[in-house]
C-alpha atoms as a PDB file:
ATOM      1  CA  MET A   1     -16.805  19.817 -49.380  1.00  0.00           C
ATOM      2  CA  LYS A   2     -13.808  21.555 -51.331  1.00  0.00           C
ATOM      3  CA  THR A   3     -14.213  24.846 -52.256  1.00  0.00           C
ATOM      4  CA  MET A   4     -13.005  26.181 -55.567  1.00  0.00           C
ATOM      5  CA  LYS A   5      -9.906  28.044 -54.201  1.00  0.00           C
ATOM      6  CA  GLN A   6      -9.107  25.201 -52.205  1.00  0.00           C
ATOM      7  CA  ARG A   7      -9.279  22.603 -55.564  1.00  0.00           C
ATOM      8  CA  LEU A   8      -6.917  25.184 -57.262  1.00  0.00           C
ATOM      9  CA  LEU A   9      -4.375  25.660 -54.510  1.00  0.00           C
ATOM     10  CA  ALA A  10      -4.029  21.617 -54.979  1.00  0.00           C
ATOM     11  CA  LEU A  11      -4.079  21.727 -58.466  1.00  0.00           C
ATOM     12  CA  ALA A  12      -0.986  24.562 -57.785  1.00  0.00           C
ATOM     13  CA  ALA A  13       0.956  22.487 -55.309  1.00  0.00           C
ATOM     14  CA  VAL A  14       0.321  19.327 -57.650  1.00  0.00           C
ATOM     15  CA  THR A  15       1.694  21.100 -60.348  1.00  0.00           C
ATOM     16  CA  LEU A  16       4.804  22.068 -58.554  1.00  0.00           C
ATOM     17  CA  GLY A  17       5.691  18.859 -57.168  1.00  0.00           C
ATOM     18  CA  LEU A  18       5.233  17.097 -60.399  1.00  0.00           C
ATOM     19  CA  HIS A  19       8.003  20.025 -61.807  1.00  0.00           C
ATOM     20  CA  GLY A  20      10.087  18.786 -58.837  1.00  0.00           C
ATOM     21  CA  ALA A  21      10.487  15.100 -59.199  1.00  0.00           C
ATOM     22  CA  ALA A  22      11.226  15.227 -62.598  1.00  0.00           C
ATOM     23  CA  GLN A  23      13.737  17.731 -61.492  1.00  0.00           C
ATOM     24  CA  ALA A  24      14.514  14.910 -58.330  1.00  0.00           C
ATOM     25  CA  GLY A  25      18.470  13.980 -57.680  1.00  0.00           C
ATOM     26  CA  PRO A  26      21.555  15.253 -55.725  1.00  0.00           C
ATOM     27  CA  VAL A  27      23.378  16.285 -59.248  1.00  0.00           C
ATOM     28  CA  LEU A  28      21.791  17.645 -62.489  1.00  0.00           C
ATOM     29  CA  SER A  29      22.759  17.404 -66.059  1.00  0.00           C
ATOM     30  CA  THR A  30      22.974  20.689 -67.695  1.00  0.00           C
ATOM     31  CA  SER A  31      24.399  22.661 -70.742  1.00  0.00           C
ATOM     32  CA  TYR A  32      27.628  23.812 -70.871  1.00  0.00           C
ATOM     33  CA  GLY A  33      27.347  27.338 -71.667  1.00  0.00           C
ATOM     34  CA  SER A  34      24.562  27.402 -68.669  1.00  0.00           C
ATOM     35  CA  LEU A  35      27.675  27.180 -66.278  1.00  0.00           C
ATOM     36  CA  LEU A  36      28.797  30.992 -65.420  1.00  0.00           C
ATOM     37  CA  GLY A  37      32.280  30.744 -64.162  1.00  0.00           C
ATOM     38  CA  SER A  38      36.318  30.190 -65.121  1.00  0.00           C
ATOM     39  CA  THR A  39      37.355  28.027 -67.728  1.00  0.00           C
ATOM     40  CA  ILE A  40      40.859  26.390 -67.636  1.00  0.00           C
ATOM     41  CA  THR A  41      42.480  25.438 -71.026  1.00  0.00           C
ATOM     42  CA  PHE A  42      45.641  23.480 -69.531  1.00  0.00           C
ATOM     43  CA  ASN A  43      47.587  25.651 -72.182  1.00  0.00           C
ATOM     44  CA  GLU A  44      50.028  26.808 -69.780  1.00  0.00           C
ATOM     45  CA  LEU A  45      51.415  23.146 -69.138  1.00  0.00           C
ATOM     46  CA  ALA A  46      53.405  21.671 -71.122  1.00  0.00           C
ATOM     47  CA  ALA A  47      52.851  19.455 -73.280  1.00  0.00           C
ATOM     48  CA  ASP A  48      54.393  16.211 -71.760  1.00  0.00           C
ATOM     49  CA  LEU A  49      54.172  13.685 -68.855  1.00  0.00           C
ATOM     50  CA  LEU A  50      53.703  15.806 -65.496  1.00  0.00           C
ATOM     51  CA  ASN A  51      54.651  14.412 -62.074  1.00  0.00           C
ATOM     52  CA  GLY A  52      53.290  14.944 -59.209  1.00  0.00           C
ATOM     53  CA  LEU A  53      50.419  17.224 -58.450  1.00  0.00           C
ATOM     54  CA  VAL A  54      49.488  19.729 -60.855  1.00  0.00           C
ATOM     55  CA  VAL A  55      48.137  23.221 -60.526  1.00  0.00           C
ATOM     56  CA  SER A  56      46.070  24.918 -63.225  1.00  0.00           C
ATOM     57  CA  GLY A  57      43.546  27.788 -62.994  1.00  0.00           C
ATOM     58  CA  GLY A  58      43.705  27.689 -59.170  1.00  0.00           C
ATOM     59  CA  VAL A  59      42.087  23.789 -59.125  1.00  0.00           C
ATOM     60  CA  THR A  60      44.966  21.292 -57.443  1.00  0.00           C
ATOM     61  CA  PHE A  61      44.798  18.081 -59.895  1.00  0.00           C
ATOM     62  CA  GLY A  62      46.448  14.646 -58.897  1.00  0.00           C
ATOM     63  CA  GLU A  63      45.451  10.736 -59.228  1.00  0.00           C
ATOM     64  CA  ARG A  64      43.235   9.872 -55.988  1.00  0.00           C
ATOM     65  CA  PHE A  65      42.240  11.400 -53.165  1.00  0.00           C
ATOM     66  CA  ALA A  66      43.665  10.050 -49.487  1.00  0.00           C
ATOM     67  CA  GLY A  67      41.769   6.991 -48.748  1.00  0.00           C
ATOM     68  CA  GLN A  68      40.831   5.949 -52.470  1.00  0.00           C
ATOM     69  CA  VAL A  69      41.828   2.535 -53.118  1.00  0.00           C
ATOM     70  CA  LEU A  70      43.653   2.843 -56.617  1.00  0.00           C
ATOM     71  CA  ALA A  71      43.083  -0.402 -58.691  1.00  0.00           C
ATOM     72  CA  VAL A  72      43.338  -1.634 -61.991  1.00  0.00           C
ATOM     73  CA  THR A  73      40.865  -2.814 -64.494  1.00  0.00           C
ATOM     74  CA  LYS A  74      41.395  -4.896 -67.724  1.00  0.00           C
ATOM     75  CA  ALA A  75      39.058  -4.503 -70.700  1.00  0.00           C
ATOM     76  CA  PRO A  76      39.126  -6.576 -73.680  1.00  0.00           C
ATOM     77  CA  ARG A  77      40.741  -4.190 -76.583  1.00  0.00           C
ATOM     78  CA  PRO A  78      38.397  -4.488 -79.013  1.00  0.00           C
ATOM     79  CA  GLY A  79      39.079  -6.341 -82.509  1.00  0.00           C
ATOM     80  CA  VAL A  80      42.746  -7.454 -81.163  1.00  0.00           C
ATOM     81  CA  VAL A  81      43.556 -10.239 -79.456  1.00  0.00           C
ATOM     82  CA  ALA A  82      44.990  -7.801 -76.415  1.00  0.00           C
ATOM     83  CA  GLN A  83      43.259  -6.288 -73.166  1.00  0.00           C
ATOM     84  CA  ASP A  84      43.486  -2.616 -71.898  1.00  0.00           C
ATOM     85  CA  TRP A  85      44.312  -1.531 -68.342  1.00  0.00           C
ATOM     86  CA  PHE A  86      42.698   1.199 -66.440  1.00  0.00           C
ATOM     87  CA  ASP A  87      42.457   3.000 -63.298  1.00  0.00           C
ATOM     88  CA  ASP A  88      39.607   2.108 -61.231  1.00  0.00           C
ATOM     89  CA  LEU A  89      38.891   4.632 -58.216  1.00  0.00           C
ATOM     90  CA  SER A  90      35.608   2.283 -57.243  1.00  0.00           C
ATOM     91  CA  THR A  91      36.664   1.194 -54.114  1.00  0.00           C
ATOM     92  CA  GLY A  92      37.996   3.204 -50.968  1.00  0.00           C
ATOM     93  CA  ALA A  93      36.356   6.748 -50.042  1.00  0.00           C
ATOM     94  CA  PRO A  94      38.130  10.086 -49.714  1.00  0.00           C
ATOM     95  CA  THR A  95      38.773  10.918 -46.004  1.00  0.00           C
ATOM     96  CA  ALA A  96      38.167  14.191 -44.473  1.00  0.00           C
ATOM     97  CA  GLY A  97      39.369  17.403 -45.886  1.00  0.00           C
ATOM     98  CA  LEU A  98      39.701  15.916 -49.738  1.00  0.00           C
ATOM     99  CA  THR A  99      43.640  15.967 -49.852  1.00  0.00           C
ATOM    100  CA  VAL A 100      44.295  15.069 -53.600  1.00  0.00           C
ATOM    101  CA  LEU A 101      47.366  12.481 -54.493  1.00  0.00           C
ATOM    102  CA  ALA A 102      49.774  12.486 -56.966  1.00  0.00           C
ATOM    103  CA  GLY A 103      50.664   8.829 -58.577  1.00  0.00           C
ATOM    104  CA  ALA A 104      53.769   7.155 -59.325  1.00  0.00           C
ATOM    105  CA  ASN A 105      56.212   9.192 -61.628  1.00  0.00           C
ATOM    106  CA  ASP A 106      55.249   8.574 -65.449  1.00  0.00           C
ATOM    107  CA  HIS A 107      51.786   7.151 -64.277  1.00  0.00           C
ATOM    108  CA  ASN A 108      50.484  10.707 -62.740  1.00  0.00           C
ATOM    109  CA  LEU A 109      49.262  12.753 -65.696  1.00  0.00           C
ATOM    110  CA  GLY A 110      49.835  14.165 -68.688  1.00  0.00           C
ATOM    111  CA  THR A 111      49.011  16.627 -71.518  1.00  0.00           C
ATOM    112  CA  TYR A 112      48.482  16.522 -75.147  1.00  0.00           C
ATOM    113  CA  ASP A 113      48.386  19.593 -77.769  1.00  0.00           C
ATOM    114  CA  TYR A 114      45.926  18.434 -80.604  1.00  0.00           C
ATOM    115  CA  GLY A 115      46.892  20.825 -82.730  1.00  0.00           C
ATOM    116  CA  ASP A 116      43.672  22.712 -82.906  1.00  0.00           C
ATOM    117  CA  ALA A 117      42.124  25.711 -81.590  1.00  0.00           C
ATOM    118  CA  ARG A 118      41.646  24.323 -78.118  1.00  0.00           C
ATOM    119  CA  GLY A 119      44.996  23.390 -77.765  1.00  0.00           C
ATOM    120  CA  ASN A 120      46.175  21.328 -74.556  1.00  0.00           C
ATOM    121  CA  ALA A 121      44.094  18.533 -72.863  1.00  0.00           C
ATOM    122  CA  LEU A 122      44.575  16.742 -69.378  1.00  0.00           C
ATOM    123  CA  ALA A 123      44.929  13.081 -69.672  1.00  0.00           C
ATOM    124  CA  GLY A 124      45.580  10.398 -66.642  1.00  0.00           C
ATOM    125  CA  ILE A 125      48.480   8.047 -67.590  1.00  0.00           C
ATOM    126  CA  GLY A 126      46.940   4.580 -66.545  1.00  0.00           C
ATOM    127  CA  PRO A 127      49.108   1.486 -65.583  1.00  0.00           C
ATOM    128  CA  THR A 128      51.533  -0.059 -67.969  1.00  0.00           C
ATOM    129  CA  MET A 129      50.104  -2.288 -70.152  1.00  0.00           C
ATOM    130  CA  ALA A 130      51.117  -6.569 -70.813  1.00  0.00           C
ATOM    131  CA  ASP A 131      51.751  -5.742 -74.609  1.00  0.00           C
ATOM    132  CA  GLY A 132      53.454  -1.933 -74.150  1.00  0.00           C
ATOM    133  CA  ALA A 133      50.577  -0.244 -75.673  1.00  0.00           C
ATOM    134  CA  ASP A 134      50.836   3.674 -74.554  1.00  0.00           C
ATOM    135  CA  PRO A 135      49.079   4.022 -70.827  1.00  0.00           C
ATOM    136  CA  PHE A 136      47.722   8.048 -72.041  1.00  0.00           C
ATOM    137  CA  GLY A 137      44.496   8.586 -71.188  1.00  0.00           C
ATOM    138  CA  PHE A 138      43.553   5.518 -69.364  1.00  0.00           C
ATOM    139  CA  GLY A 139      44.449   6.913 -65.691  1.00  0.00           C
ATOM    140  CA  SER A 140      42.607   8.625 -63.467  1.00  0.00           C
ATOM    141  CA  ILE A 141      41.947  12.358 -63.033  1.00  0.00           C
ATOM    142  CA  SER A 142      41.097  13.992 -59.181  1.00  0.00           C
ATOM    143  CA  ALA A 143      40.850  17.262 -58.738  1.00  0.00           C
ATOM    144  CA  ARG A 144      40.320  19.377 -55.907  1.00  0.00           C
ATOM    145  CA  PHE A 145      39.045  22.874 -56.130  1.00  0.00           C
ATOM    146  CA  ALA A 146      40.216  25.752 -53.874  1.00  0.00           C
ATOM    147  CA  SER A 147      36.342  26.905 -53.197  1.00  0.00           C
ATOM    148  CA  GLY A 148      32.647  24.885 -52.601  1.00  0.00           C
ATOM    149  CA  GLN A 149      31.247  24.994 -56.577  1.00  0.00           C
ATOM    150  CA  SER A 150      27.636  24.343 -57.302  1.00  0.00           C
ATOM    151  CA  GLY A 151      28.497  23.082 -61.019  1.00  0.00           C
ATOM    152  CA  LEU A 152      31.497  21.752 -63.110  1.00  0.00           C
ATOM    153  CA  GLY A 153      31.842  20.956 -67.091  1.00  0.00           C
ATOM    154  CA  PHE A 154      34.252  19.627 -69.462  1.00  0.00           C
ATOM    155  CA  TYR A 155      34.977  19.185 -72.930  1.00  0.00           C
ATOM    156  CA  LEU A 156      35.715  15.328 -73.023  1.00  0.00           C
ATOM    157  CA  ARG A 157      38.426  14.285 -75.912  1.00  0.00           C
ATOM    158  CA  ASP A 158      38.829  10.882 -77.575  1.00  0.00           C
ATOM    159  CA  GLY A 159      36.042   9.215 -76.488  1.00  0.00           C
ATOM    160  CA  ASP A 160      34.978   5.905 -78.246  1.00  0.00           C
ATOM    161  CA  GLY A 161      31.619   4.540 -77.276  1.00  0.00           C
ATOM    162  CA  GLY A 162      32.746   3.112 -73.813  1.00  0.00           C
ATOM    163  CA  SER A 163      32.088   4.668 -70.267  1.00  0.00           C
ATOM    164  CA  ALA A 164      33.597   7.026 -67.556  1.00  0.00           C
ATOM    165  CA  THR A 165      32.673   7.240 -63.887  1.00  0.00           C
ATOM    166  CA  LEU A 166      32.502  10.884 -62.851  1.00  0.00           C
ATOM    167  CA  ALA A 167      32.416  11.208 -58.934  1.00  0.00           C
ATOM    168  CA  LEU A 168      31.336  14.660 -57.003  1.00  0.00           C
ATOM    169  CA  TYR A 169      32.565  15.067 -53.272  1.00  0.00           C
ATOM    170  CA  ARG A 170      32.297  17.287 -50.539  1.00  0.00           C
ATOM    171  CA  ALA A 171      35.554  18.810 -48.274  1.00  0.00           C
ATOM    172  CA  ASP A 172      34.333  16.351 -45.927  1.00  0.00           C
ATOM    173  CA  GLY A 173      35.051  13.876 -48.222  1.00  0.00           C
ATOM    174  CA  SER A 174      31.322  12.584 -48.593  1.00  0.00           C
ATOM    175  CA  LEU A 175      30.198  11.196 -51.966  1.00  0.00           C
ATOM    176  CA  ILE A 176      27.672  13.704 -53.251  1.00  0.00           C
ATOM    177  CA  GLN A 177      26.820  11.192 -56.685  1.00  0.00           C
ATOM    178  CA  SER A 178      28.647   9.228 -58.830  1.00  0.00           C
ATOM    179  CA  LEU A 179      28.032   9.692 -62.212  1.00  0.00           C
ATOM    180  CA  LEU A 180      28.181   7.104 -64.794  1.00  0.00           C
ATOM    181  CA  LEU A 181      28.618   8.365 -68.672  1.00  0.00           C
ATOM    182  CA  SER A 182      27.834   6.010 -71.213  1.00  0.00           C
ATOM    183  CA  GLY A 183      28.949   5.823 -74.895  1.00  0.00           C
ATOM    184  CA  VAL A 184      31.281   8.377 -74.709  1.00  0.00           C
ATOM    185  CA  SER A 185      32.245  10.443 -77.162  1.00  0.00           C
ATOM    186  CA  ASP A 186      33.725  14.165 -78.110  1.00  0.00           C
ATOM    187  CA  GLY A 187      31.647  16.641 -76.827  1.00  0.00           C
ATOM    188  CA  TYR A 188      30.786  18.658 -73.709  1.00  0.00           C
ATOM    189  CA  TYR A 189      29.596  17.278 -70.270  1.00  0.00           C
ATOM    190  CA  ALA A 190      28.259  19.760 -67.646  1.00  0.00           C
ATOM    191  CA  PHE A 191      26.419  19.014 -63.934  1.00  0.00           C
ATOM    192  CA  THR A 192      25.028  21.158 -61.607  1.00  0.00           C
ATOM    193  CA  ARG A 193      23.606  20.640 -57.736  1.00  0.00           C
ATOM    194  CA  GLU A 194      19.927  20.921 -57.393  1.00  0.00           C
ATOM    195  CA  GLY A 195      19.126  23.867 -55.766  1.00  0.00           C
ATOM    196  CA  GLY A 196      22.594  25.577 -56.355  1.00  0.00           C
ATOM    197  CA  VAL A 197      24.094  24.503 -53.778  1.00  0.00           C
ATOM    198  CA  ALA A 198      27.892  25.207 -53.747  1.00  0.00           C
ATOM    199  CA  ASP A 199      29.188  22.170 -51.968  1.00  0.00           C
ATOM    200  CA  ILE A 200      31.251  20.094 -55.174  1.00  0.00           C
ATOM    201  CA  ALA A 201      35.035  20.395 -53.342  1.00  0.00           C
ATOM    202  CA  GLY A 202      36.268  18.213 -56.206  1.00  0.00           C
ATOM    203  CA  PHE A 203      35.861  15.390 -58.319  1.00  0.00           C
ATOM    204  CA  SER A 204      37.861  11.934 -59.603  1.00  0.00           C
ATOM    205  CA  LEU A 205      37.268  10.716 -63.374  1.00  0.00           C
ATOM    206  CA  TYR A 206      38.256   7.687 -65.012  1.00  0.00           C
ATOM    207  CA  SER A 207      37.491   5.348 -67.685  1.00  0.00           C
ATOM    208  CA  ARG A 208      36.764   2.451 -69.749  1.00  0.00           C
ATOM    209  CA  ASP A 209      37.184   3.906 -73.247  1.00  0.00           C
ATOM    210  CA  SER A 210      39.477   1.676 -75.202  1.00  0.00           C
ATOM    211  CA  TYR A 211      41.424   2.763 -78.242  1.00  0.00           C
ATOM    212  CA  TYR A 212      42.975   6.422 -77.398  1.00  0.00           C
ATOM    213  CA  GLY A 213      41.476   6.239 -73.520  1.00  0.00           C
ATOM    214  CA  MET A 214      40.029   9.786 -72.819  1.00  0.00           C
ATOM    215  CA  SER A 215      41.463  13.720 -71.994  1.00  0.00           C
ATOM    216  CA  ILE A 216      39.438  16.140 -70.988  1.00  0.00           C
ATOM    217  CA  ASP A 217      39.932  20.429 -71.462  1.00  0.00           C
ATOM    218  CA  ASP A 218      38.002  23.596 -71.209  1.00  0.00           C
ATOM    219  CA  LEU A 219      37.411  23.095 -67.807  1.00  0.00           C
ATOM    220  CA  ARG A 220      34.961  24.765 -66.089  1.00  0.00           C
ATOM    221  CA  LEU A 221      33.865  25.884 -62.485  1.00  0.00           C
ATOM    222  CA  GLY A 222      30.772  28.068 -61.317  1.00  0.00           C
ATOM    223  CA  SER A 223      27.060  27.998 -60.619  1.00  0.00           C
ATOM    224  CA  ALA A 224      24.622  27.095 -63.743  1.00  0.00           C
ATOM    225  CA  ALA A 225      21.743  29.607 -64.822  1.00  0.00           C
ATOM    226  CA  ALA A 226      18.675  29.854 -63.594  1.00  0.00           C
ATOM    227  CA  ARG A 227      16.365  27.212 -65.058  1.00  0.00           C
ATOM    228  CA  VAL A 228      13.356  28.063 -66.660  1.00  0.00           C
ATOM    229  CA  PRO A 229      10.399  26.193 -65.965  1.00  0.00           C
ATOM    230  CA  GLU A 230       8.857  23.155 -68.085  1.00  0.00           C
ATOM    231  CA  PRO A 231       6.389  24.951 -70.871  1.00  0.00           C
ATOM    232  CA  SER A 232       3.704  22.521 -69.404  1.00  0.00           C
ATOM    233  CA  SER A 233       4.618  22.775 -66.045  1.00  0.00           C
ATOM    234  CA  ALA A 234       4.552  26.419 -66.262  1.00  0.00           C
ATOM    235  CA  LEU A 235       1.083  26.799 -68.131  1.00  0.00           C
ATOM    236  CA  LEU A 236      -0.346  24.574 -65.571  1.00  0.00           C
ATOM    237  CA  LEU A 237       0.744  26.520 -62.886  1.00  0.00           C
ATOM    238  CA  GLY A 238      -0.234  29.166 -64.749  1.00  0.00           C
ATOM    239  CA  VAL A 239      -4.042  27.854 -65.519  1.00  0.00           C
ATOM    240  CA  ALA A 240      -4.156  27.408 -61.199  1.00  0.00           C
ATOM    241  CA  LEU A 241      -2.812  31.008 -60.426  1.00  0.00           C
ATOM    242  CA  CYS A 242      -5.633  32.582 -62.650  1.00  0.00           C
ATOM    243  CA  GLY A 243      -8.048  30.423 -61.654  1.00  0.00           C
ATOM    244  CA  LEU A 244      -7.381  31.313 -57.635  1.00  0.00           C
ATOM    245  CA  GLY A 245      -7.398  34.859 -59.123  1.00  0.00           C
ATOM    246  CA  GLY A 246     -10.830  34.612 -60.845  1.00  0.00           C
ATOM    247  CA  VAL A 247     -12.058  33.290 -57.699  1.00  0.00           C
ATOM    248  CA  ARG A 248     -11.316  36.379 -55.666  1.00  0.00           C
ATOM    249  CA  ARG A 249     -12.698  38.427 -58.551  1.00  0.00           C
ATOM    250  CA  PHE A 250     -15.978  36.931 -58.132  1.00  0.00           C
ATOM    251  CA  GLY A 251     -15.926  36.800 -54.271  1.00  0.00           C
ATOM    252  CA  ARG A 252     -16.073  40.160 -54.445  1.00  0.00           C
ATOM    253  CA  LYS A 253     -18.286  40.817 -56.783  1.00  0.00           C
ATOM    254  CA  GLN A 254     -20.553  38.752 -54.738  1.00  0.00           C
ATOM    255  CA  ALA A 255     -19.826  40.415 -51.690  1.00  0.00           C
END
């Protein structure tokens, strides 16, 4: 028959286990403000089409990584008889070294000055569309960091309820996790590695968001502030530990 001390130890273990299960997954969503690190604003770049690799804030940007296959996905443009064409990086896998590659001239990257306090944002320039629509924001963005990071976040612009895929990679080209962002809108998106592992060497971002495509601003790299235990978990664990203290005091009194 289990003693009171054994039961309380089991309760503490289960409590911790439940808390860990709730946070399971290699990448966790977090608040942008919790990221402690430098921010890349792109404001030093000319507001124009950018050919070749682009370096900003120590990060190298391009269209894709060596090993990824650039494809085109078409989707109906809501409200009109037309299709939007998007870059697609869902096939192929980056090779070891995570080498970033530029796209074709005028179909690589570009910046746009929104005329507000944030200024410039970076976008991928997508494929040439059949109706001649502007491909700004319909292309992919890939970024290679100078060192491994445990978290990243950005401000997304021109989100119109479509979706975006954010794939995070290690330096050896292996996938950490591919995140599907649904119903995107203007605002902050931020993610951190479980356990604070600093192995995010780069990312690829591509979308299915019509009308204006999308761009990113205020890219922040760094670690997330320490998480505070959820109240329910902290309370249960506290009860269990207090119970253990009571068992010890009771044992001493009876000795």
